[in-house]
């Protein structure tokens, strides 16, 4: 079972629905696969070019800041959100 990144905290708090999808299957797990690609392209690729992380805690702090931006300020273009933030 996989849990999509930005939604996982809501699921843990009981505010969302857990969806069981086939892992590594973009056809059935497209939203999570797309989220992972976005994080890789917009955060990890840029972060590893600009910073030398000496600890996982430093990387986690930057990732947390990016996810906060992604969930609250980033303009989403999927057909489900219609340009709104989640």
PDB file of N, CA and C in Angstrom:
ATOM      1  N   UNK A   1       0.837  -1.167   0.000  1.00  0.00           N
ATOM      2  CA  UNK A   1       0.000   0.000   0.000  1.00  0.00           C
ATOM      3  C   UNK A   1       0.888   1.238   0.000  1.00  0.00           C
ATOM      4  N   UNK A   2       0.512   2.240  -0.786  1.00  0.00           N
ATOM      5  CA  UNK A   2       1.271   3.482  -0.830  1.00  0.00           C
ATOM      6  C   UNK A   2       0.389   4.628  -0.382  1.00  0.00           C
ATOM      7  N   UNK A   3       1.002   5.625   0.238  1.00  0.00           N
ATOM      8  CA  UNK A   3       0.306   6.821   0.667  1.00  0.00           C
ATOM      9  C   UNK A   3       0.990   8.002   0.027  1.00  0.00           C
ATOM     10  N   UNK A   4       0.240   8.803  -0.683  1.00  0.00           N
ATOM     11  CA  UNK A   4       0.796   9.939  -1.411  1.00  0.00           C
ATOM     12  C   UNK A   4       1.299  10.998  -0.445  1.00  0.00           C
ATOM     13  N   UNK A   5       2.440  11.596  -0.750  1.00  0.00           N
ATOM     14  CA  UNK A   5       3.149  12.554   0.088  1.00  0.00           C
ATOM     15  C   UNK A   5       2.329  13.594   0.815  1.00  0.00           C
ATOM     16  N   UNK A   6       1.813  14.640   0.130  1.00  0.00           N
ATOM     17  CA  UNK A   6       1.176  15.722   0.852  1.00  0.00           C
ATOM     18  C   UNK A   6      -0.119  15.305   1.527  1.00  0.00           C
ATOM     19  N   UNK A   7      -0.690  14.192   1.132  1.00  0.00           N
ATOM     20  CA  UNK A   7      -1.956  13.747   1.699  1.00  0.00           C
ATOM     21  C   UNK A   7      -1.757  12.872   2.928  1.00  0.00           C
ATOM     22  N   UNK A   8      -0.557  12.362   3.122  1.00  0.00           N
ATOM     23  CA  UNK A   8      -0.351  11.374   4.171  1.00  0.00           C
ATOM     24  C   UNK A   8      -0.616  11.928   5.568  1.00  0.00           C
ATOM     25  N   UNK A   9      -0.312  13.209   5.823  1.00  0.00           N
ATOM     26  CA  UNK A   9      -0.571  13.754   7.155  1.00  0.00           C
ATOM     27  C   UNK A   9      -2.063  13.871   7.420  1.00  0.00           C
ATOM     28  N   UNK A  10      -2.839  14.224   6.414  1.00  0.00           N
ATOM     29  CA  UNK A  10      -4.290  14.309   6.582  1.00  0.00           C
ATOM     30  C   UNK A  10      -4.888  12.933   6.849  1.00  0.00           C
ATOM     31  N   UNK A  11      -4.359  11.921   6.184  1.00  0.00           N
ATOM     32  CA  UNK A  11      -4.853  10.567   6.394  1.00  0.00           C
ATOM     33  C   UNK A  11      -4.553  10.125   7.815  1.00  0.00           C
ATOM     34  N   UNK A  12      -3.337  10.441   8.288  1.00  0.00           N
ATOM     35  CA  UNK A  12      -2.956  10.086   9.646  1.00  0.00           C
ATOM     36  C   UNK A  12      -3.828  10.759  10.686  1.00  0.00           C
ATOM     37  N   UNK A  13      -4.343  11.943  10.383  1.00  0.00           N
ATOM     38  CA  UNK A  13      -5.208  12.676  11.300  1.00  0.00           C
ATOM     39  C   UNK A  13      -6.673  12.278  11.146  1.00  0.00           C
ATOM     40  N   UNK A  14      -6.962  11.361  10.227  1.00  0.00           N
ATOM     41  CA  UNK A  14      -8.342  10.933  10.026  1.00  0.00           C
ATOM     42  C   UNK A  14      -9.151  11.886   9.168  1.00  0.00           C
ATOM     43  N   UNK A  15      -8.498  12.789   8.434  1.00  0.00           N
ATOM     44  CA  UNK A  15      -9.208  13.779   7.621  1.00  0.00           C
ATOM     45  C   UNK A  15      -9.262  13.406   6.152  1.00  0.00           C
ATOM     46  N   UNK A  16      -8.741  12.283   5.796  1.00  0.00           N
ATOM     47  CA  UNK A  16      -8.722  11.883   4.392  1.00  0.00           C
ATOM     48  C   UNK A  16      -9.025  10.406   4.263  1.00  0.00           C
ATOM     49  N   UNK A  17      -9.158   9.975   3.045  1.00  0.00           N
ATOM     50  CA  UNK A  17      -9.423   8.564   2.784  1.00  0.00           C
ATOM     51  C   UNK A  17      -8.161   7.899   2.276  1.00  0.00           C
ATOM     52  N   UNK A  18      -7.884   6.720   2.767  1.00  0.00           N
ATOM     53  CA  UNK A  18      -6.739   5.965   2.291  1.00  0.00           C
ATOM     54  C   UNK A  18      -7.183   5.176   1.069  1.00  0.00           C
ATOM     55  N   UNK A  19      -6.340   5.233   0.048  1.00  0.00           N
ATOM     56  CA  UNK A  19      -6.638   4.534  -1.194  1.00  0.00           C
ATOM     57  C   UNK A  19      -5.576   3.487  -1.412  1.00  0.00           C
ATOM     58  N   UNK A  20      -5.992   2.271  -1.633  1.00  0.00           N
ATOM     59  CA  UNK A  20      -5.040   1.184  -1.880  1.00  0.00           C
ATOM     60  C   UNK A  20      -4.841   1.043  -3.374  1.00  0.00           C
ATOM     61  N   UNK A  21      -3.631   1.313  -3.807  1.00  0.00           N
ATOM     62  CA  UNK A  21      -3.297   1.197  -5.217  1.00  0.00           C
ATOM     63  C   UNK A  21      -2.171   0.212  -5.408  1.00  0.00           C
ATOM     64  N   UNK A  22      -1.950  -0.153  -6.628  1.00  0.00           N
ATOM     65  CA  UNK A  22      -0.870  -1.067  -6.950  1.00  0.00           C
ATOM     66  C   UNK A  22       0.417  -0.255  -7.001  1.00  0.00           C
ATOM     67  N   UNK A  23       1.416  -0.627  -6.205  1.00  0.00           N
ATOM     68  CA  UNK A  23       2.658   0.130  -6.195  1.00  0.00           C
ATOM     69  C   UNK A  23       3.368   0.012  -7.543  1.00  0.00           C
ATOM     70  N   UNK A  24       4.072   1.070  -7.914  1.00  0.00           N
ATOM     71  CA  UNK A  24       4.816   1.174  -9.169  1.00  0.00           C
ATOM     72  C   UNK A  24       3.934   0.996 -10.400  1.00  0.00           C
ATOM     73  N   UNK A  25       2.706   1.443 -10.302  1.00  0.00           N
ATOM     74  CA  UNK A  25       1.792   1.349 -11.432  1.00  0.00           C
ATOM     75  C   UNK A  25       1.238   2.733 -11.741  1.00  0.00           C
ATOM     76  N   UNK A  26       1.840   3.454 -12.699  1.00  0.00           N
ATOM     77  CA  UNK A  26       1.382   4.807 -12.993  1.00  0.00           C
ATOM     78  C   UNK A  26      -0.064   4.875 -13.467  1.00  0.00           C
ATOM     79  N   UNK A  27      -0.574   3.790 -14.031  1.00  0.00           N
ATOM     80  CA  UNK A  27      -1.952   3.810 -14.500  1.00  0.00           C
ATOM     81  C   UNK A  27      -2.943   3.904 -13.345  1.00  0.00           C
ATOM     82  N   UNK A  28      -2.665   3.244 -12.242  1.00  0.00           N
ATOM     83  CA  UNK A  28      -3.595   3.250 -11.114  1.00  0.00           C
ATOM     84  C   UNK A  28      -3.149   4.175  -9.993  1.00  0.00           C
ATOM     85  N   UNK A  29      -1.927   4.614 -10.035  1.00  0.00           N
ATOM     86  CA  UNK A  29      -1.370   5.410  -8.951  1.00  0.00           C
ATOM     87  C   UNK A  29      -0.815   6.724  -9.485  1.00  0.00           C
ATOM     88  N   UNK A  30      -1.460   7.275 -10.499  1.00  0.00           N
ATOM     89  CA  UNK A  30      -0.944   8.425 -11.224  1.00  0.00           C
ATOM     90  C   UNK A  30      -0.739   9.676 -10.398  1.00  0.00           C
ATOM     91  N   UNK A  31      -1.655   9.975  -9.479  1.00  0.00           N
ATOM     92  CA  UNK A  31      -1.513  11.197  -8.683  1.00  0.00           C
ATOM     93  C   UNK A  31      -0.265  11.150  -7.808  1.00  0.00           C
ATOM     94  N   UNK A  32      -0.037  10.018  -7.166  1.00  0.00           N
ATOM     95  CA  UNK A  32       1.158   9.888  -6.323  1.00  0.00           C
ATOM     96  C   UNK A  32       2.423   9.868  -7.167  1.00  0.00           C
ATOM     97  N   UNK A  33       2.369   9.170  -8.289  1.00  0.00           N
ATOM     98  CA  UNK A  33       3.539   9.128  -9.164  1.00  0.00           C
ATOM     99  C   UNK A  33       3.883  10.537  -9.656  1.00  0.00           C
ATOM    100  N   UNK A  34       2.877  11.323 -10.001  1.00  0.00           N
ATOM    101  CA  UNK A  34       3.110  12.684 -10.469  1.00  0.00           C
ATOM    102  C   UNK A  34       3.653  13.563  -9.345  1.00  0.00           C
ATOM    103  N   UNK A  35       3.136  13.388  -8.124  1.00  0.00           N
ATOM    104  CA  UNK A  35       3.645  14.146  -6.985  1.00  0.00           C
ATOM    105  C   UNK A  35       5.124  13.831  -6.756  1.00  0.00           C
ATOM    106  N   UNK A  36       5.484  12.557  -6.809  1.00  0.00           N
ATOM    107  CA  UNK A  36       6.887  12.171  -6.614  1.00  0.00           C
ATOM    108  C   UNK A  36       7.775  12.781  -7.692  1.00  0.00           C
ATOM    109  N   UNK A  37       7.296  12.811  -8.925  1.00  0.00           N
ATOM    110  CA  UNK A  37       8.076  13.416 -10.012  1.00  0.00           C
ATOM    111  C   UNK A  37       8.246  14.921  -9.791  1.00  0.00           C
ATOM    112  N   UNK A  38       7.172  15.576  -9.355  1.00  0.00           N
ATOM    113  CA  UNK A  38       7.239  17.018  -9.093  1.00  0.00           C
ATOM    114  C   UNK A  38       8.241  17.324  -7.991  1.00  0.00           C
ATOM    115  N   UNK A  39       8.214  16.569  -6.899  1.00  0.00           N
ATOM    116  CA  UNK A  39       9.154  16.787  -5.799  1.00  0.00           C
ATOM    117  C   UNK A  39      10.585  16.546  -6.279  1.00  0.00           C
ATOM    118  N   UNK A  40      10.764  15.519  -7.079  1.00  0.00           N
ATOM    119  CA  UNK A  40      12.108  15.241  -7.597  1.00  0.00           C
ATOM    120  C   UNK A  40      12.605  16.393  -8.466  1.00  0.00           C
ATOM    121  N   UNK A  41      11.746  16.874  -9.390  1.00  0.00           N
ATOM    122  CA  UNK A  41      12.168  17.915 -10.324  1.00  0.00           C
ATOM    123  C   UNK A  41      12.269  19.298  -9.676  1.00  0.00           C
ATOM    124  N   UNK A  42      11.300  19.637  -8.829  1.00  0.00           N
ATOM    125  CA  UNK A  42      11.268  20.989  -8.266  1.00  0.00           C
ATOM    126  C   UNK A  42      12.080  21.139  -6.993  1.00  0.00           C
ATOM    127  N   UNK A  43      12.260  20.064  -6.241  1.00  0.00           N
ATOM    128  CA  UNK A  43      13.005  20.195  -4.995  1.00  0.00           C
ATOM    129  C   UNK A  43      14.370  19.518  -5.040  1.00  0.00           C
ATOM    130  N   UNK A  44      14.390  18.196  -5.184  1.00  0.00           N
ATOM    131  CA  UNK A  44      15.655  17.467  -5.048  1.00  0.00           C
ATOM    132  C   UNK A  44      16.700  17.884  -6.075  1.00  0.00           C
ATOM    133  N   UNK A  45      16.314  18.002  -7.337  1.00  0.00           N
ATOM    134  CA  UNK A  45      17.282  18.371  -8.368  1.00  0.00           C
ATOM    135  C   UNK A  45      17.906  19.730  -8.069  1.00  0.00           C
ATOM    136  N   UNK A  46      17.095  20.687  -7.685  1.00  0.00           N
ATOM    137  CA  UNK A  46      17.579  22.038  -7.374  1.00  0.00           C
ATOM    138  C   UNK A  46      18.375  22.038  -6.067  1.00  0.00           C
ATOM    139  N   UNK A  47      17.858  21.383  -5.048  1.00  0.00           N
ATOM    140  CA  UNK A  47      18.500  21.395  -3.731  1.00  0.00           C
ATOM    141  C   UNK A  47      19.899  20.781  -3.780  1.00  0.00           C
ATOM    142  N   UNK A  48      20.054  19.675  -4.502  1.00  0.00           N
ATOM    143  CA  UNK A  48      21.369  19.030  -4.551  1.00  0.00           C
ATOM    144  C   UNK A  48      22.358  19.799  -5.415  1.00  0.00           C
ATOM    145  N   UNK A  49      21.866  20.651  -6.304  1.00  0.00           N
ATOM    146  CA  UNK A  49      22.772  21.516  -7.068  1.00  0.00           C
ATOM    147  C   UNK A  49      23.246  22.702  -6.236  1.00  0.00           C
ATOM    148  N   UNK A  50      22.392  23.182  -5.344  1.00  0.00           N
ATOM    149  CA  UNK A  50      22.685  24.410  -4.611  1.00  0.00           C
ATOM    150  C   UNK A  50      23.296  24.185  -3.231  1.00  0.00           C
ATOM    151  N   UNK A  51      23.103  23.007  -2.646  1.00  0.00           N
ATOM    152  CA  UNK A  51      23.527  22.783  -1.258  1.00  0.00           C
ATOM    153  C   UNK A  51      24.326  21.502  -1.128  1.00  0.00           C
ATOM    154  N   UNK A  52      25.199  21.508  -0.138  1.00  0.00           N
ATOM    155  CA  UNK A  52      25.901  20.298   0.268  1.00  0.00           C
ATOM    156  C   UNK A  52      25.340  19.931   1.642  1.00  0.00           C
ATOM    157  N   UNK A  53      24.537  18.896   1.682  1.00  0.00           N
ATOM    158  CA  UNK A  53      23.904  18.491   2.936  1.00  0.00           C
ATOM    159  C   UNK A  53      24.853  17.595   3.713  1.00  0.00           C
ATOM    160  N   UNK A  54      25.127  17.976   4.944  1.00  0.00           N
ATOM    161  CA  UNK A  54      26.019  17.204   5.800  1.00  0.00           C
ATOM    162  C   UNK A  54      25.255  16.251   6.707  1.00  0.00           C
ATOM    163  N   UNK A  55      23.935  16.420   6.758  1.00  0.00           N
ATOM    164  CA  UNK A  55      23.126  15.513   7.578  1.00  0.00           C
ATOM    165  C   UNK A  55      21.739  15.370   6.954  1.00  0.00           C
ATOM    166  N   UNK A  56      21.097  14.315   7.315  1.00  0.00           N
ATOM    167  CA  UNK A  56      19.730  14.074   6.845  1.00  0.00           C
ATOM    168  C   UNK A  56      18.791  15.119   7.443  1.00  0.00           C
ATOM    169  N   UNK A  57      19.084  15.583   8.651  1.00  0.00           N
ATOM    170  CA  UNK A  57      18.238  16.591   9.291  1.00  0.00           C
ATOM    171  C   UNK A  57      18.204  17.887   8.487  1.00  0.00           C
ATOM    172  N   UNK A  58      19.329  18.295   7.916  1.00  0.00           N
ATOM    173  CA  UNK A  58      19.353  19.500   7.079  1.00  0.00           C
ATOM    174  C   UNK A  58      18.484  19.307   5.842  1.00  0.00           C
ATOM    175  N   UNK A  59      18.605  18.162   5.206  1.00  0.00           N
ATOM    176  CA  UNK A  59      17.800  17.857   4.029  1.00  0.00           C
ATOM    177  C   UNK A  59      16.325  17.795   4.396  1.00  0.00           C
ATOM    178  N   UNK A  60      15.996  17.177   5.517  1.00  0.00           N
ATOM    179  CA  UNK A  60      14.603  17.067   5.951  1.00  0.00           C
ATOM    180  C   UNK A  60      14.010  18.432   6.234  1.00  0.00           C
ATOM    181  N   UNK A  61      14.774  19.337   6.830  1.00  0.00           N
ATOM    182  CA  UNK A  61      14.281  20.689   7.107  1.00  0.00           C
ATOM    183  C   UNK A  61      13.955  21.420   5.809  1.00  0.00           C
ATOM    184  N   UNK A  62      14.828  21.314   4.803  1.00  0.00           N
ATOM    185  CA  UNK A  62      14.552  21.949   3.511  1.00  0.00           C
ATOM    186  C   UNK A  62      13.362  21.298   2.815  1.00  0.00           C
ATOM    187  N   UNK A  63      13.258  19.980   2.898  1.00  0.00           N
ATOM    188  CA  UNK A  63      12.119  19.290   2.302  1.00  0.00           C
ATOM    189  C   UNK A  63      10.820  19.698   2.979  1.00  0.00           C
ATOM    190  N   UNK A  64      10.832  19.829   4.296  1.00  0.00           N
ATOM    191  CA  UNK A  64       9.639  20.278   5.022  1.00  0.00           C
ATOM    192  C   UNK A  64       9.215  21.675   4.579  1.00  0.00           C
ATOM    193  N   UNK A  65      10.195  22.581   4.388  1.00  0.00           N
ATOM    194  CA  UNK A  65       9.870  23.932   3.899  1.00  0.00           C
ATOM    195  C   UNK A  65       9.266  23.875   2.503  1.00  0.00           C
ATOM    196  N   UNK A  66       9.832  23.020   1.631  1.00  0.00           N
ATOM    197  CA  UNK A  66       9.288  22.894   0.276  1.00  0.00           C
ATOM    198  C   UNK A  66       7.860  22.342   0.312  1.00  0.00           C
ATOM    199  N   UNK A  67       7.616  21.310   1.116  1.00  0.00           N
ATOM    200  CA  UNK A  67       6.279  20.728   1.183  1.00  0.00           C
ATOM    201  C   UNK A  67       5.264  21.711   1.748  1.00  0.00           C
ATOM    202  N   UNK A  68       5.694  22.534   2.688  1.00  0.00           N
ATOM    203  CA  UNK A  68       4.815  23.584   3.202  1.00  0.00           C
ATOM    204  C   UNK A  68       4.455  24.550   2.074  1.00  0.00           C
ATOM    205  N   UNK A  69       5.441  24.970   1.296  1.00  0.00           N
ATOM    206  CA  UNK A  69       5.195  25.824   0.135  1.00  0.00           C
ATOM    207  C   UNK A  69       4.279  25.120  -0.864  1.00  0.00           C
ATOM    208  N   UNK A  70       4.571  23.860  -1.168  1.00  0.00           N
ATOM    209  CA  UNK A  70       3.805  23.103  -2.156  1.00  0.00           C
ATOM    210  C   UNK A  70       2.340  22.987  -1.750  1.00  0.00           C
ATOM    211  N   UNK A  71       2.092  22.734  -0.476  1.00  0.00           N
ATOM    212  CA  UNK A  71       0.717  22.537  -0.008  1.00  0.00           C
ATOM    213  C   UNK A  71      -0.056  23.821   0.217  1.00  0.00           C
ATOM    214  N   UNK A  72       0.628  24.935   0.464  1.00  0.00           N
ATOM    215  CA  UNK A  72      -0.087  26.161   0.827  1.00  0.00           C
ATOM    216  C   UNK A  72      -0.002  27.289  -0.192  1.00  0.00           C
ATOM    217  N   UNK A  73       1.034  27.324  -1.027  1.00  0.00           N
ATOM    218  CA  UNK A  73       1.219  28.460  -1.921  1.00  0.00           C
ATOM    219  C   UNK A  73       1.324  28.089  -3.399  1.00  0.00           C
ATOM    220  N   UNK A  74       1.825  26.930  -3.691  1.00  0.00           N
ATOM    221  CA  UNK A  74       2.063  26.483  -5.066  1.00  0.00           C
ATOM    222  C   UNK A  74       0.747  26.386  -5.835  1.00  0.00           C
ATOM    223  N   UNK A  75       0.690  26.940  -7.026  1.00  0.00           N
ATOM    224  CA  UNK A  75      -0.498  26.854  -7.865  1.00  0.00           C
ATOM    225  C   UNK A  75      -0.546  25.474  -8.510  1.00  0.00           C
ATOM    226  N   UNK A  76      -1.598  24.734  -8.253  1.00  0.00           N
ATOM    227  CA  UNK A  76      -1.736  23.383  -8.780  1.00  0.00           C
ATOM    228  C   UNK A  76      -2.533  23.411 -10.065  1.00  0.00           C
ATOM    229  N   UNK A  77      -2.148  22.575 -11.020  1.00  0.00           N
ATOM    230  CA  UNK A  77      -2.760  22.616 -12.335  1.00  0.00           C
ATOM    231  C   UNK A  77      -3.525  21.348 -12.687  1.00  0.00           C
ATOM    232  N   UNK A  78      -3.759  20.476 -11.749  1.00  0.00           N
ATOM    233  CA  UNK A  78      -4.465  19.242 -12.077  1.00  0.00           C
ATOM    234  C   UNK A  78      -5.943  19.522 -12.290  1.00  0.00           C
ATOM    235  N   UNK A  79      -6.595  18.600 -12.943  1.00  0.00           N
ATOM    236  CA  UNK A  79      -8.017  18.771 -13.196  1.00  0.00           C
ATOM    237  C   UNK A  79      -8.835  18.672 -11.916  1.00  0.00           C
ATOM    238  N   UNK A  80      -8.280  18.060 -10.871  1.00  0.00           N
ATOM    239  CA  UNK A  80      -9.000  17.934  -9.603  1.00  0.00           C
ATOM    240  C   UNK A  80      -8.993  19.238  -8.807  1.00  0.00           C
ATOM    241  N   UNK A  81      -7.883  19.977  -8.849  1.00  0.00           N
ATOM    242  CA  UNK A  81      -7.796  21.187  -8.025  1.00  0.00           C
ATOM    243  C   UNK A  81      -8.132  22.457  -8.802  1.00  0.00           C
ATOM    244  N   UNK A  82      -8.095  22.404 -10.120  1.00  0.00           N
ATOM    245  CA  UNK A  82      -8.435  23.543 -10.967  1.00  0.00           C
ATOM    246  C   UNK A  82      -7.667  24.821 -10.593  1.00  0.00           C
ATOM    247  N   UNK A  83      -6.368  24.683 -10.309  1.00  0.00           N
ATOM    248  CA  UNK A  83      -5.522  25.823 -10.015  1.00  0.00           C
ATOM    249  C   UNK A  83      -5.504  26.261  -8.561  1.00  0.00           C
ATOM    250  N   UNK A  84      -6.319  25.648  -7.732  1.00  0.00           N
ATOM    251  CA  UNK A  84      -6.350  26.011  -6.308  1.00  0.00           C
ATOM    252  C   UNK A  84      -5.299  25.215  -5.548  1.00  0.00           C
ATOM    253  N   UNK A  85      -4.897  25.716  -4.400  1.00  0.00           N
ATOM    254  CA  UNK A  85      -4.033  24.920  -3.534  1.00  0.00           C
ATOM    255  C   UNK A  85      -4.906  23.888  -2.847  1.00  0.00           C
ATOM    256  N   UNK A  86      -4.326  22.741  -2.500  1.00  0.00           N
ATOM    257  CA  UNK A  86      -5.157  21.664  -1.887  1.00  0.00           C
ATOM    258  C   UNK A  86      -5.757  22.084  -0.558  1.00  0.00           C
TER     259      UNK A  86
END
